[in-house]
PDB file of N, CA and C in Angstrom:
ATOM      1  N   MET A   1       3.195-105.335  91.013  1.00  0.00           N
ATOM      2  CA  MET A   1       3.810-104.038  91.275  1.00  0.00           C
ATOM      3  C   MET A   1       3.800-103.775  92.779  1.00  0.00           C
ATOM      4  N   GLN A   2       4.960-103.449  93.310  1.00  0.00           N
ATOM      5  CA  GLN A   2       5.072-103.186  94.735  1.00  0.00           C
ATOM      6  C   GLN A   2       4.666-101.751  95.035  1.00  0.00           C
ATOM      7  N   PRO A   3       4.074-101.548  96.223  1.00  0.00           N
ATOM      8  CA  PRO A   3       3.731-100.166  96.589  1.00  0.00           C
ATOM      9  C   PRO A   3       4.995 -99.331  96.753  1.00  0.00           C
ATOM     10  N   ILE A   4       4.885 -98.084  96.403  1.00  0.00           N
ATOM     11  CA  ILE A   4       6.021 -97.163  96.480  1.00  0.00           C
ATOM     12  C   ILE A   4       6.108 -96.612  97.896  1.00  0.00           C
ATOM     13  N   GLU A   5       7.297 -96.717  98.483  1.00  0.00           N
ATOM     14  CA  GLU A   5       7.508 -96.137  99.800  1.00  0.00           C
ATOM     15  C   GLU A   5       7.795 -94.650  99.620  1.00  0.00           C
ATOM     16  N   VAL A   6       6.970 -93.832 100.243  1.00  0.00           N
ATOM     17  CA  VAL A   6       7.100 -92.384 100.099  1.00  0.00           C
ATOM     18  C   VAL A   6       7.604 -91.810 101.413  1.00  0.00           C
ATOM     19  N   VAL A   7       8.692 -91.073 101.328  1.00  0.00           N
ATOM     20  CA  VAL A   7       9.244 -90.402 102.495  1.00  0.00           C
ATOM     21  C   VAL A   7       8.869 -88.939 102.408  1.00  0.00           C
ATOM     22  N   VAL A   8       8.181 -88.467 103.441  1.00  0.00           N
ATOM     23  CA  VAL A   8       7.754 -87.071 103.481  1.00  0.00           C
ATOM     24  C   VAL A   8       8.597 -86.355 104.528  1.00  0.00           C
ATOM     25  N   ASP A   9       9.143 -85.215 104.131  1.00  0.00           N
ATOM     26  CA  ASP A   9       9.929 -84.391 105.041  1.00  0.00           C
ATOM     27  C   ASP A   9       9.075 -83.176 105.411  1.00  0.00           C
ATOM     28  N   PRO A  10       8.374 -83.229 106.559  1.00  0.00           N
ATOM     29  CA  PRO A  10       7.443 -82.137 106.891  1.00  0.00           C
ATOM     30  C   PRO A  10       8.119 -80.787 107.100  1.00  0.00           C
ATOM     31  N   ILE A  11       9.325 -80.776 107.652  1.00  0.00           N
ATOM     32  CA  ILE A  11      10.008 -79.495 107.871  1.00  0.00           C
ATOM     33  C   ILE A  11      10.400 -78.878 106.533  1.00  0.00           C
ATOM     34  N   SER A  12      10.985 -79.678 105.636  1.00  0.00           N
ATOM     35  CA  SER A  12      11.341 -79.162 104.310  1.00  0.00           C
ATOM     36  C   SER A  12      10.108 -78.735 103.534  1.00  0.00           C
ATOM     37  N   THR A  13       9.029 -79.506 103.648  1.00  0.00           N
ATOM     38  CA  THR A  13       7.783 -79.141 102.962  1.00  0.00           C
ATOM     39  C   THR A  13       7.299 -77.781 103.439  1.00  0.00           C
ATOM     40  N   THR A  14       7.315 -77.560 104.753  1.00  0.00           N
ATOM     41  CA  THR A  14       6.890 -76.278 105.320  1.00  0.00           C
ATOM     42  C   THR A  14       7.787 -75.141 104.838  1.00  0.00           C
ATOM     43  N   LEU A  15       9.095 -75.381 104.832  1.00  0.00           N
ATOM     44  CA  LEU A  15      10.029 -74.339 104.393  1.00  0.00           C
ATOM     45  C   LEU A  15       9.870 -74.016 102.908  1.00  0.00           C
ATOM     46  N   VAL A  16       9.649 -75.030 102.087  1.00  0.00           N
ATOM     47  CA  VAL A  16       9.484 -74.787 100.655  1.00  0.00           C
ATOM     48  C   VAL A  16       8.161 -74.066 100.386  1.00  0.00           C
ATOM     49  N   ILE A  17       7.120 -74.411 101.126  1.00  0.00           N
ATOM     50  CA  ILE A  17       5.848 -73.679 100.981  1.00  0.00           C
ATOM     51  C   ILE A  17       6.040 -72.221 101.393  1.00  0.00           C
ATOM     52  N   ALA A  18       6.798 -71.993 102.470  1.00  0.00           N
ATOM     53  CA  ALA A  18       7.088 -70.611 102.896  1.00  0.00           C
ATOM     54  C   ALA A  18       7.877 -69.869 101.814  1.00  0.00           C
ATOM     55  N   ALA A  19       8.826 -70.543 101.180  1.00  0.00           N
ATOM     56  CA  ALA A  19       9.584 -69.912 100.086  1.00  0.00           C
ATOM     57  C   ALA A  19       8.681 -69.605  98.903  1.00  0.00           C
ATOM     58  N   LEU A  20       7.728 -70.482  98.618  1.00  0.00           N
ATOM     59  CA  LEU A  20       6.757 -70.225  97.544  1.00  0.00           C
ATOM     60  C   LEU A  20       5.925 -68.988  97.865  1.00  0.00           C
ATOM     61  N   VAL A  21       5.419 -68.910  99.087  1.00  0.00           N
ATOM     62  CA  VAL A  21       4.617 -67.751  99.491  1.00  0.00           C
ATOM     63  C   VAL A  21       5.450 -66.471  99.413  1.00  0.00           C
ATOM     64  N   ALA A  22       6.702 -66.538  99.885  1.00  0.00           N
ATOM     65  CA  ALA A  22       7.573 -65.361  99.841  1.00  0.00           C
ATOM     66  C   ALA A  22       7.854 -64.935  98.406  1.00  0.00           C
ATOM     67  N   SER A  23       8.077 -65.900  97.512  1.00  0.00           N
ATOM     68  CA  SER A  23       8.362 -65.529  96.118  1.00  0.00           C
ATOM     69  C   SER A  23       7.119 -64.941  95.449  1.00  0.00           C
ATOM     70  N   LEU A  24       5.938 -65.445  95.784  1.00  0.00           N
ATOM     71  CA  LEU A  24       4.705 -64.859  95.229  1.00  0.00           C
ATOM     72  C   LEU A  24       4.468 -63.457  95.793  1.00  0.00           C
ATOM     73  N   ALA A  25       4.793 -63.251  97.068  1.00  0.00           N
ATOM     74  CA  ALA A  25       4.694 -61.903  97.649  1.00  0.00           C
ATOM     75  C   ALA A  25       5.674 -60.965  96.951  1.00  0.00           C
ATOM     76  N   ALA A  26       6.881 -61.457  96.667  1.00  0.00           N
ATOM     77  CA  ALA A  26       7.870 -60.639  95.953  1.00  0.00           C
ATOM     78  C   ALA A  26       7.354 -60.241  94.576  1.00  0.00           C
ATOM     79  N   VAL A  27       6.681 -61.170  93.897  1.00  0.00           N
ATOM     80  CA  VAL A  27       6.111 -60.856  92.575  1.00  0.00           C
ATOM     81  C   VAL A  27       5.060 -59.755  92.707  1.00  0.00           C
ATOM     82  N   ALA A  28       4.212 -59.849  93.724  1.00  0.00           N
ATOM     83  CA  ALA A  28       3.175 -58.830  93.917  1.00  0.00           C
ATOM     84  C   ALA A  28       3.799 -57.459  94.172  1.00  0.00           C
ATOM     85  N   PHE A  29       4.821 -57.405  95.024  1.00  0.00           N
ATOM     86  CA  PHE A  29       5.491 -56.137  95.296  1.00  0.00           C
ATOM     87  C   PHE A  29       6.258 -55.636  94.072  1.00  0.00           C
ATOM     88  N   ALA A  30       6.853 -56.544  93.325  1.00  0.00           N
ATOM     89  CA  ALA A  30       7.574 -56.161  92.109  1.00  0.00           C
ATOM     90  C   ALA A  30       6.614 -55.556  91.093  1.00  0.00           C
ATOM     91  N   TRP A  31       5.442 -56.147  90.964  1.00  0.00           N
ATOM     92  CA  TRP A  31       4.438 -55.616  90.036  1.00  0.00           C
ATOM     93  C   TRP A  31       4.062 -54.190  90.431  1.00  0.00           C
ATOM     94  N   GLN A  32       3.806 -53.974  91.718  1.00  0.00           N
ATOM     95  CA  GLN A  32       3.459 -52.638  92.192  1.00  0.00           C
ATOM     96  C   GLN A  32       4.602 -51.654  91.932  1.00  0.00           C
ATOM     97  N   PHE A  33       5.820 -52.078  92.210  1.00  0.00           N
ATOM     98  CA  PHE A  33       6.978 -51.206  92.016  1.00  0.00           C
ATOM     99  C   PHE A  33       7.166 -50.858  90.547  1.00  0.00           C
ATOM    100  N   SER A  34       7.093 -51.868  89.667  1.00  0.00           N
ATOM    101  CA  SER A  34       7.332 -51.606  88.243  1.00  0.00           C
ATOM    102  C   SER A  34       6.270 -50.667  87.671  1.00  0.00           C
ATOM    103  N   ARG A  35       5.056 -50.784  88.151  1.00  0.00           N
ATOM    104  CA  ARG A  35       4.002 -49.868  87.685  1.00  0.00           C
ATOM    105  C   ARG A  35       4.194 -48.471  88.244  1.00  0.00           C
ATOM    106  N   ALA A  36       4.611 -48.372  89.507  1.00  0.00           N
ATOM    107  CA  ALA A  36       4.777 -47.059  90.139  1.00  0.00           C
ATOM    108  C   ALA A  36       5.970 -46.299  89.560  1.00  0.00           C
ATOM    109  N   ILE A  37       7.055 -47.010  89.285  1.00  0.00           N
ATOM    110  CA  ILE A  37       8.272 -46.343  88.835  1.00  0.00           C
ATOM    111  C   ILE A  37       8.221 -46.038  87.339  1.00  0.00           C
ATOM    112  N   GLY A  38       7.645 -46.950  86.564  1.00  0.00           N
ATOM    113  CA  GLY A  38       7.505 -46.745  85.125  1.00  0.00           C
ATOM    114  C   GLY A  38       8.826 -46.571  84.401  1.00  0.00           C
ATOM    115  N   GLY A  39       8.748 -46.170  83.172  1.00  0.00           N
ATOM    116  CA  GLY A  39       9.922 -45.875  82.358  1.00  0.00           C
ATOM    117  C   GLY A  39      10.860 -47.051  82.182  1.00  0.00           C
ATOM    118  N   GLU A  40      12.138 -46.709  81.941  1.00  0.00           N
ATOM    119  CA  GLU A  40      13.149 -47.735  81.701  1.00  0.00           C
ATOM    120  C   GLU A  40      13.387 -48.594  82.934  1.00  0.00           C
ATOM    121  N   LEU A  41      13.370 -47.964  84.093  1.00  0.00           N
ATOM    122  CA  LEU A  41      13.607 -48.712  85.327  1.00  0.00           C
ATOM    123  C   LEU A  41      12.472 -49.699  85.588  1.00  0.00           C
ATOM    124  N   GLY A  42      11.249 -49.259  85.378  1.00  0.00           N
ATOM    125  CA  GLY A  42      10.107 -50.164  85.549  1.00  0.00           C
ATOM    126  C   GLY A  42      10.145 -51.320  84.566  1.00  0.00           C
ATOM    127  N   ALA A  43      10.526 -51.024  83.327  1.00  0.00           N
ATOM    128  CA  ALA A  43      10.634 -52.078  82.311  1.00  0.00           C
ATOM    129  C   ALA A  43      11.736 -53.064  82.673  1.00  0.00           C
ATOM    130  N   ALA A  44      12.846 -52.547  83.194  1.00  0.00           N
ATOM    131  CA  ALA A  44      13.949 -53.424  83.607  1.00  0.00           C
ATOM    132  C   ALA A  44      13.515 -54.301  84.774  1.00  0.00           C
ATOM    133  N   PHE A  45      12.759 -53.718  85.686  1.00  0.00           N
ATOM    134  CA  PHE A  45      12.336 -54.482  86.859  1.00  0.00           C
ATOM    135  C   PHE A  45      11.357 -55.585  86.488  1.00  0.00           C
ATOM    136  N   LYS A  46      10.668 -55.449  85.368  1.00  0.00           N
ATOM    137  CA  LYS A  46       9.767 -56.516  84.926  1.00  0.00           C
ATOM    138  C   LYS A  46      10.537 -57.793  84.611  1.00  0.00           C
ATOM    139  N   TRP A  47      11.799 -57.676  84.197  1.00  0.00           N
ATOM    140  CA  TRP A  47      12.631 -58.863  83.982  1.00  0.00           C
ATOM    141  C   TRP A  47      12.882 -59.576  85.310  1.00  0.00           C
ATOM    142  N   VAL A  48      13.146 -58.785  86.354  1.00  0.00           N
ATOM    143  CA  VAL A  48      13.332 -59.374  87.687  1.00  0.00           C
ATOM    144  C   VAL A  48      12.048 -60.075  88.106  1.00  0.00           C
ATOM    145  N   MET A  49      10.928 -59.443  87.839  1.00  0.00           N
ATOM    146  CA  MET A  49       9.636 -60.032  88.184  1.00  0.00           C
ATOM    147  C   MET A  49       9.414 -61.334  87.416  1.00  0.00           C
ATOM    148  N   LEU A  50       9.751 -61.356  86.139  1.00  0.00           N
ATOM    149  CA  LEU A  50       9.610 -62.571  85.344  1.00  0.00           C
ATOM    150  C   LEU A  50      10.462 -63.697  85.932  1.00  0.00           C
ATOM    151  N   GLY A  51      11.700 -63.392  86.273  1.00  0.00           N
ATOM    152  CA  GLY A  51      12.575 -64.392  86.878  1.00  0.00           C
ATOM    153  C   GLY A  51      12.015 -64.911  88.188  1.00  0.00           C
ATOM    154  N   THR A  52      11.414 -64.030  88.971  1.00  0.00           N
ATOM    155  CA  THR A  52      10.832 -64.437  90.247  1.00  0.00           C
ATOM    156  C   THR A  52       9.613 -65.327  90.034  1.00  0.00           C
ATOM    157  N   ILE A  53       8.835 -65.055  89.000  1.00  0.00           N
ATOM    158  CA  ILE A  53       7.681 -65.911  88.680  1.00  0.00           C
ATOM    159  C   ILE A  53       8.156 -67.311  88.299  1.00  0.00           C
ATOM    160  N   VAL A  54       9.171 -67.376  87.448  1.00  0.00           N
ATOM    161  CA  VAL A  54       9.703 -68.689  87.051  1.00  0.00           C
ATOM    162  C   VAL A  54      10.272 -69.405  88.272  1.00  0.00           C
ATOM    163  N   PHE A  55      10.960 -68.663  89.145  1.00  0.00           N
ATOM    164  CA  PHE A  55      11.490 -69.267  90.359  1.00  0.00           C
ATOM    165  C   PHE A  55      10.361 -69.802  91.236  1.00  0.00           C
ATOM    166  N   ALA A  56       9.243 -69.081  91.308  1.00  0.00           N
ATOM    167  CA  ALA A  56       8.090 -69.555  92.093  1.00  0.00           C
ATOM    168  C   ALA A  56       7.584 -70.889  91.541  1.00  0.00           C
ATOM    169  N   LEU A  57       7.610 -71.042  90.216  1.00  0.00           N
ATOM    170  CA  LEU A  57       7.203 -72.326  89.623  1.00  0.00           C
ATOM    171  C   LEU A  57       8.098 -73.463  90.104  1.00  0.00           C
ATOM    172  N   THR A  58       9.388 -73.175  90.273  1.00  0.00           N
ATOM    173  CA  THR A  58      10.289 -74.217  90.762  1.00  0.00           C
ATOM    174  C   THR A  58      10.007 -74.540  92.222  1.00  0.00           C
ATOM    175  N   ARG A  59       9.472 -73.583  92.971  1.00  0.00           N
ATOM    176  CA  ARG A  59       9.095 -73.862  94.361  1.00  0.00           C
ATOM    177  C   ARG A  59       7.903 -74.814  94.388  1.00  0.00           C
ATOM    178  N   ILE A  60       6.971 -74.674  93.434  1.00  0.00           N
ATOM    179  CA  ILE A  60       5.841 -75.596  93.350  1.00  0.00           C
ATOM    180  C   ILE A  60       6.350 -77.006  93.103  1.00  0.00           C
ATOM    181  N   ASP A  61       7.313 -77.114  92.186  1.00  0.00           N
ATOM    182  CA  ASP A  61       7.928 -78.409  91.903  1.00  0.00           C
ATOM    183  C   ASP A  61       8.592 -78.976  93.154  1.00  0.00           C
ATOM    184  N   ASP A  62       9.280 -78.127  93.906  1.00  0.00           N
ATOM    185  CA  ASP A  62       9.932 -78.592  95.133  1.00  0.00           C
ATOM    186  C   ASP A  62       8.927 -79.041  96.181  1.00  0.00           C
ATOM    187  N   VAL A  63       7.791 -78.354  96.279  1.00  0.00           N
ATOM    188  CA  VAL A  63       6.746 -78.791  97.213  1.00  0.00           C
ATOM    189  C   VAL A  63       6.286 -80.199  96.842  1.00  0.00           C
ATOM    190  N   LEU A  64       6.078 -80.426  95.547  1.00  0.00           N
ATOM    191  CA  LEU A  64       5.664 -81.759  95.102  1.00  0.00           C
ATOM    192  C   LEU A  64       6.736 -82.803  95.405  1.00  0.00           C
ATOM    193  N   LYS A  65       7.997 -82.396  95.331  1.00  0.00           N
ATOM    194  CA  LYS A  65       9.099 -83.329  95.591  1.00  0.00           C
ATOM    195  C   LYS A  65       9.192 -83.671  97.075  1.00  0.00           C
ATOM    196  N   VAL A  66       9.310 -82.654  97.944  1.00  0.00           N
ATOM    197  CA  VAL A  66       9.554 -82.924  99.361  1.00  0.00           C
ATOM    198  C   VAL A  66       8.324 -83.428 100.097  1.00  0.00           C
ATOM    199  N   SER A  67       7.138 -83.194  99.529  1.00  0.00           N
ATOM    200  CA  SER A  67       5.921 -83.727 100.148  1.00  0.00           C
ATOM    201  C   SER A  67       5.667 -85.173  99.741  1.00  0.00           C
ATOM    202  N   GLY A  68       6.463 -85.673  98.798  1.00  0.00           N
ATOM    203  CA  GLY A  68       6.312 -87.055  98.349  1.00  0.00           C
ATOM    204  C   GLY A  68       5.303 -87.236  97.231  1.00  0.00           C
ATOM    205  N   ALA A  69       4.756 -86.146  96.721  1.00  0.00           N
ATOM    206  CA  ALA A  69       3.720 -86.251  95.676  1.00  0.00           C
ATOM    207  C   ALA A  69       4.272 -86.867  94.397  1.00  0.00           C
ATOM    208  N   TRP A  70       5.457 -86.427  93.975  1.00  0.00           N
ATOM    209  CA  TRP A  70       6.031 -86.999  92.747  1.00  0.00           C
ATOM    210  C   TRP A  70       6.201 -88.504  92.896  1.00  0.00           C
ATOM    211  N   ALA A  71       6.678 -88.948  94.056  1.00  0.00           N
ATOM    212  CA  ALA A  71       6.870 -90.388  94.282  1.00  0.00           C
ATOM    213  C   ALA A  71       5.528 -91.124  94.259  1.00  0.00           C
ATOM    214  N   ARG A  72       4.489 -90.518  94.858  1.00  0.00           N
ATOM    215  CA  ARG A  72       3.160 -91.139  94.836  1.00  0.00           C
ATOM    216  C   ARG A  72       2.620 -91.250  93.409  1.00  0.00           C
ATOM    217  N   PHE A  73       2.993 -90.290  92.568  1.00  0.00           N
ATOM    218  CA  PHE A  73       2.574 -90.330  91.158  1.00  0.00           C
ATOM    219  C   PHE A  73       3.412 -91.310  90.347  1.00  0.00           C
ATOM    220  N   GLY A  74       4.424 -91.899  90.973  1.00  0.00           N
ATOM    221  CA  GLY A  74       5.284 -92.850  90.289  1.00  0.00           C
ATOM    222  C   GLY A  74       6.369 -92.217  89.437  1.00  0.00           C
ATOM    223  N   VAL A  75       6.678 -90.949  89.702  1.00  0.00           N
ATOM    224  CA  VAL A  75       7.693 -90.232  88.925  1.00  0.00           C
ATOM    225  C   VAL A  75       9.042 -90.369  89.614  1.00  0.00           C
ATOM    226  N   ASP A  76      10.032 -90.831  88.874  1.00  0.00           N
ATOM    227  CA  ASP A  76      11.405 -90.887  89.372  1.00  0.00           C
ATOM    228  C   ASP A  76      11.988 -89.485  89.199  1.00  0.00           C
ATOM    229  N   TYR A  77      11.992 -88.714  90.274  1.00  0.00           N
ATOM    230  CA  TYR A  77      12.337 -87.299  90.192  1.00  0.00           C
ATOM    231  C   TYR A  77      13.725 -87.071  89.606  1.00  0.00           C
ATOM    232  N   LYS A  78      14.710 -87.811  90.102  1.00  0.00           N
ATOM    233  CA  LYS A  78      16.086 -87.587  89.629  1.00  0.00           C
ATOM    234  C   LYS A  78      16.224 -87.871  88.147  1.00  0.00           C
ATOM    235  N   ARG A  79      15.524 -88.872  87.661  1.00  0.00           N
ATOM    236  CA  ARG A  79      15.657 -89.251  86.250  1.00  0.00           C
ATOM    237  C   ARG A  79      14.804 -88.373  85.334  1.00  0.00           C
ATOM    238  N   VAL A  80      13.624 -87.968  85.805  1.00  0.00           N
ATOM    239  CA  VAL A  80      12.657 -87.283  84.938  1.00  0.00           C
ATOM    240  C   VAL A  80      12.621 -85.772  85.144  1.00  0.00           C
ATOM    241  N   MET A  81      12.698 -85.327  86.386  1.00  0.00           N
ATOM    242  CA  MET A  81      12.404 -83.923  86.683  1.00  0.00           C
ATOM    243  C   MET A  81      13.620 -83.059  87.009  1.00  0.00           C
ATOM    244  N   TRP A  82      14.728 -83.677  87.388  1.00  0.00           N
ATOM    245  CA  TRP A  82      15.848 -82.875  87.877  1.00  0.00           C
ATOM    246  C   TRP A  82      16.382 -81.895  86.844  1.00  0.00           C
ATOM    247  N   GLN A  83      16.594 -82.349  85.605  1.00  0.00           N
ATOM    248  CA  GLN A  83      17.130 -81.447  84.581  1.00  0.00           C
ATOM    249  C   GLN A  83      16.159 -80.327  84.215  1.00  0.00           C
ATOM    250  N   PRO A  84      14.855 -80.614  83.982  1.00  0.00           N
ATOM    251  CA  PRO A  84      13.937 -79.500  83.714  1.00  0.00           C
ATOM    252  C   PRO A  84      13.855 -78.507  84.881  1.00  0.00           C
ATOM    253  N   HIS A  85      13.866 -79.034  86.102  1.00  0.00           N
ATOM    254  CA  HIS A  85      13.830 -78.170  87.278  1.00  0.00           C
ATOM    255  C   HIS A  85      15.059 -77.256  87.296  1.00  0.00           C
ATOM    256  N   SER A  86      16.228 -77.836  87.093  1.00  0.00           N
ATOM    257  CA  SER A  86      17.464 -77.050  87.099  1.00  0.00           C
ATOM    258  C   SER A  86      17.487 -76.042  85.956  1.00  0.00           C
ATOM    259  N   ALA A  87      16.949 -76.410  84.803  1.00  0.00           N
ATOM    260  CA  ALA A  87      16.885 -75.486  83.668  1.00  0.00           C
ATOM    261  C   ALA A  87      15.983 -74.294  83.994  1.00  0.00           C
ATOM    262  N   LEU A  88      14.863 -74.536  84.675  1.00  0.00           N
ATOM    263  CA  LEU A  88      13.979 -73.436  85.051  1.00  0.00           C
ATOM    264  C   LEU A  88      14.633 -72.513  86.074  1.00  0.00           C
ATOM    265  N   VAL A  89      15.366 -73.092  87.024  1.00  0.00           N
ATOM    266  CA  VAL A  89      16.092 -72.252  87.987  1.00  0.00           C
ATOM    267  C   VAL A  89      17.104 -71.384  87.250  1.00  0.00           C
ATOM    268  N   LEU A  90      17.835 -71.983  86.302  1.00  0.00           N
ATOM    269  CA  LEU A  90      18.797 -71.220  85.503  1.00  0.00           C
ATOM    270  C   LEU A  90      18.099 -70.097  84.736  1.00  0.00           C
ATOM    271  N   LEU A  91      16.989 -70.401  84.087  1.00  0.00           N
ATOM    272  CA  LEU A  91      16.250 -69.376  83.336  1.00  0.00           C
ATOM    273  C   LEU A  91      15.767 -68.255  84.246  1.00  0.00           C
ATOM    274  N   SER A  92      15.320 -68.604  85.449  1.00  0.00           N
ATOM    275  CA  SER A  92      14.844 -67.566  86.361  1.00  0.00           C
ATOM    276  C   SER A  92      15.975 -66.611  86.730  1.00  0.00           C
ATOM    277  N   TRP A  93      17.161 -67.147  86.986  1.00  0.00           N
ATOM    278  CA  TRP A  93      18.281 -66.289  87.357  1.00  0.00           C
ATOM    279  C   TRP A  93      18.831 -65.520  86.174  1.00  0.00           C
ATOM    280  N   ILE A  94      18.715 -66.069  84.980  1.00  0.00           N
ATOM    281  CA  ILE A  94      19.108 -65.307  83.785  1.00  0.00           C
ATOM    282  C   ILE A  94      18.197 -64.102  83.621  1.00  0.00           C
ATOM    283  N   ALA A  95      16.885 -64.300  83.790  1.00  0.00           N
ATOM    284  CA  ALA A  95      15.942 -63.184  83.671  1.00  0.00           C
ATOM    285  C   ALA A  95      16.206 -62.132  84.741  1.00  0.00           C
ATOM    286  N   ILE A  96      16.465 -62.579  85.957  1.00  0.00           N
ATOM    287  CA  ILE A  96      16.763 -61.639  87.040  1.00  0.00           C
ATOM    288  C   ILE A  96      18.048 -60.859  86.723  1.00  0.00           C
ATOM    289  N   ALA A  97      19.059 -61.558  86.228  1.00  0.00           N
ATOM    290  CA  ALA A  97      20.320 -60.895  85.875  1.00  0.00           C
ATOM    291  C   ALA A  97      20.114 -59.876  84.753  1.00  0.00           C
ATOM    292  N   ILE A  98      19.291 -60.220  83.758  1.00  0.00           N
ATOM    293  CA  ILE A  98      18.995 -59.271  82.676  1.00  0.00           C
ATOM    294  C   ILE A  98      18.338 -58.021  83.248  1.00  0.00           C
ATOM    295  N   GLY A  99      17.406 -58.228  84.168  1.00  0.00           N
ATOM    296  CA  GLY A  99      16.739 -57.085  84.789  1.00  0.00           C
ATOM    297  C   GLY A  99      17.711 -56.182  85.517  1.00  0.00           C
ATOM    298  N   PHE A 100      18.602 -56.773  86.298  1.00  0.00           N
ATOM    299  CA  PHE A 100      19.580 -55.959  87.016  1.00  0.00           C
ATOM    300  C   PHE A 100      20.571 -55.295  86.068  1.00  0.00           C
ATOM    301  N   LEU A 101      20.940 -55.979  84.992  1.00  0.00           N
ATOM    302  CA  LEU A 101      21.810 -55.367  83.987  1.00  0.00           C
ATOM    303  C   LEU A 101      21.127 -54.147  83.376  1.00  0.00           C
ATOM    304  N   ARG A 102      19.859 -54.291  83.028  1.00  0.00           N
ATOM    305  CA  ARG A 102      19.129 -53.159  82.438  1.00  0.00           C
ATOM    306  C   ARG A 102      18.989 -52.016  83.435  1.00  0.00           C
ATOM    307  N   MET A 103      18.808 -52.351  84.710  1.00  0.00           N
ATOM    308  CA  MET A 103      18.745 -51.294  85.728  1.00  0.00           C
ATOM    309  C   MET A 103      20.084 -50.580  85.840  1.00  0.00           C
ATOM    310  N   ALA A 104      21.168 -51.348  85.832  1.00  0.00           N
ATOM    311  CA  ALA A 104      22.501 -50.747  85.921  1.00  0.00           C
ATOM    312  C   ALA A 104      22.753 -49.826  84.738  1.00  0.00           C
ATOM    313  N   ARG A 105      22.331 -50.256  83.553  1.00  0.00           N
ATOM    314  CA  ARG A 105      22.509 -49.409  82.358  1.00  0.00           C
ATOM    315  C   ARG A 105      21.686 -48.127  82.449  1.00  0.00           C
ATOM    316  N   THR A 106      20.529 -48.210  83.093  1.00  0.00           N
ATOM    317  CA  THR A 106      19.665 -47.035  83.255  1.00  0.00           C
ATOM    318  C   THR A 106      20.363 -45.961  84.069  1.00  0.00           C
ATOM    319  N   PHE A 107      21.134 -46.383  85.076  1.00  0.00           N
ATOM    320  CA  PHE A 107      21.776 -45.421  85.965  1.00  0.00           C
ATOM    321  C   PHE A 107      23.229 -45.153  85.603  1.00  0.00           C
ATOM    322  N   LYS A 108      23.737 -45.787  84.553  1.00  0.00           N
ATOM    323  CA  LYS A 108      25.129 -45.595  84.177  1.00  0.00           C
ATOM    324  C   LYS A 108      25.336 -44.185  83.630  1.00  0.00           C
ATOM    325  N   THR A 109      26.359 -43.543  84.131  1.00  0.00           N
ATOM    326  CA  THR A 109      26.670 -42.189  83.658  1.00  0.00           C
ATOM    327  C   THR A 109      28.000 -42.204  82.935  1.00  0.00           C
ATOM    328  N   GLU A 110      27.969 -41.841  81.677  1.00  0.00           N
ATOM    329  CA  GLU A 110      29.192 -41.762  80.882  1.00  0.00           C
ATOM    330  C   GLU A 110      29.113 -40.579  79.979  1.00  0.00           C
TER     331      GLU A 110
END
């Protein structure tokens, strides 16, 4: 078995870690907001928070990818991880969209 050549992109790794930190900060602020506002709007915002949590999980996956960890583990990212990663990104945005839809319905006047 030949050793696996791992390419590490330090700038991308730093940026993805920063995106992970930012998404976790967004979750913390979303939690505070949903508790402070309460009611239908707070409940709707919890969907946005859920989507942001799932999105943060995809940032962890990206850190493992751009830091070369998946390659060191012998995982062929494109073959094994790309579809689950993309599915999680889709789920995160669906949850966020549901949250915004529920917020829009809360303020709809008819």
